[in-house]
Amino acid sequence: MSINYYLICISIIVFILSYFGTKYMVQLMPKLKIMAIPESRSNHMLPTPVGGGVAIISSTIIGLCLLSTIIQIDVYVIQIILLSLPLVLISFIDDVKNISIFIRLVLHITVSICAIMLIPSNNLIFNGLFPYTTDRIFASLLLAWFINCYNFMDGIDGMAGCETIHISISILLLNLITHTLSISFNYLNVFIILSSCGFLIWNWHPARIFMGDTGSITLGFILGCTLLHIASKGLFLQALLIPLYYILDAGITMVRRLITKQNIFKAHSEHFFQQAVRRGLSHATVVKKVILLNLVLLLLTLISVIIKL
């Protein structure tokens, strides 16, 4: 049988594992009392299970493990996945029982530094704007920020799942055009797309489960690493355009909170998409508008790279 046949089979397995894995978490988490309880800042009305990200991450990793039996996986992809495992563990514990922000930040910065140092030293991430050491320091801090940005932006039903699908599709199409990264990244993003789709069926409004830190933190790290790897290949603009909505919404909100002397690490409901929900728009309507915006960003990304070529 051809490799394509096995790839299709593995892809189907990844989707099925994510779908039924999420369904299992929907049933399990209430029994374990791992629930998001509505608060004044919350955008949901009922207690909702947390931890759907476990199904996304585990099904993606299983897909890669199955894939490794028929092709050789890029070492950098393996290294990213291995570095993400401590994040999976600490984030799941945080979903169950809050861990101090200091411990989480130390871990986020540590794995970010490790991930950035894996990028070949002759590849500068900011296109030579800074010398090597400054380039790596800024990139590590940017990755640590993006990890937390991804977490903070997981604020309404369907948002993080749809953003993950957008970023992975964009990376996949960009790589099919430019061949900037190894083919292993294509498979990684296909598995992330399929596992996110399996999860999104349960997370679409009204959500029956939330992604939780396990999903948002880990996906933020994996996708952030991939985007910075793309940037290090001379495609910084394209790597910036793909997640631009998340970057602008999270960045502007953070600056506004700094100006008003609010704690930027404290959970809130001040992002633009959250404000839209509080003004009366449904979760689904807001997410659909963000999807349209992301389609524009995808189009701009592809146009910019075609012009560059």
Foldseek 3Di string as FASTA:
>chain_A
DDPVVVLVVLLVQLLVQLQVVLVVQLVPQVVVVLWDCDDPQALDDHTAHEASLVSLLVSLVVSVVSNCVPDPADPLLVLLNVLLVVQLVVQVVCSNPNDDPVVVLVSLLVSLLVLLVVQDQVQQLQQPPDPSVVSSVVSSVVLSVLLVLLVLQQRAFPQSLLLLLQLLVLLLVVCVVVVLDPCNSNSSSSSSNSSSVSNSVQRHPVHNYGNGSSRRNSSSNSSSSSLSSSSSSVLNVLSCLQNVVSCVQLVVVLVVCVVVVHDSPDRGQPGPLSVVVVVPDHRNVSSVVVSVVNVVSSVVSVVVVVVVD
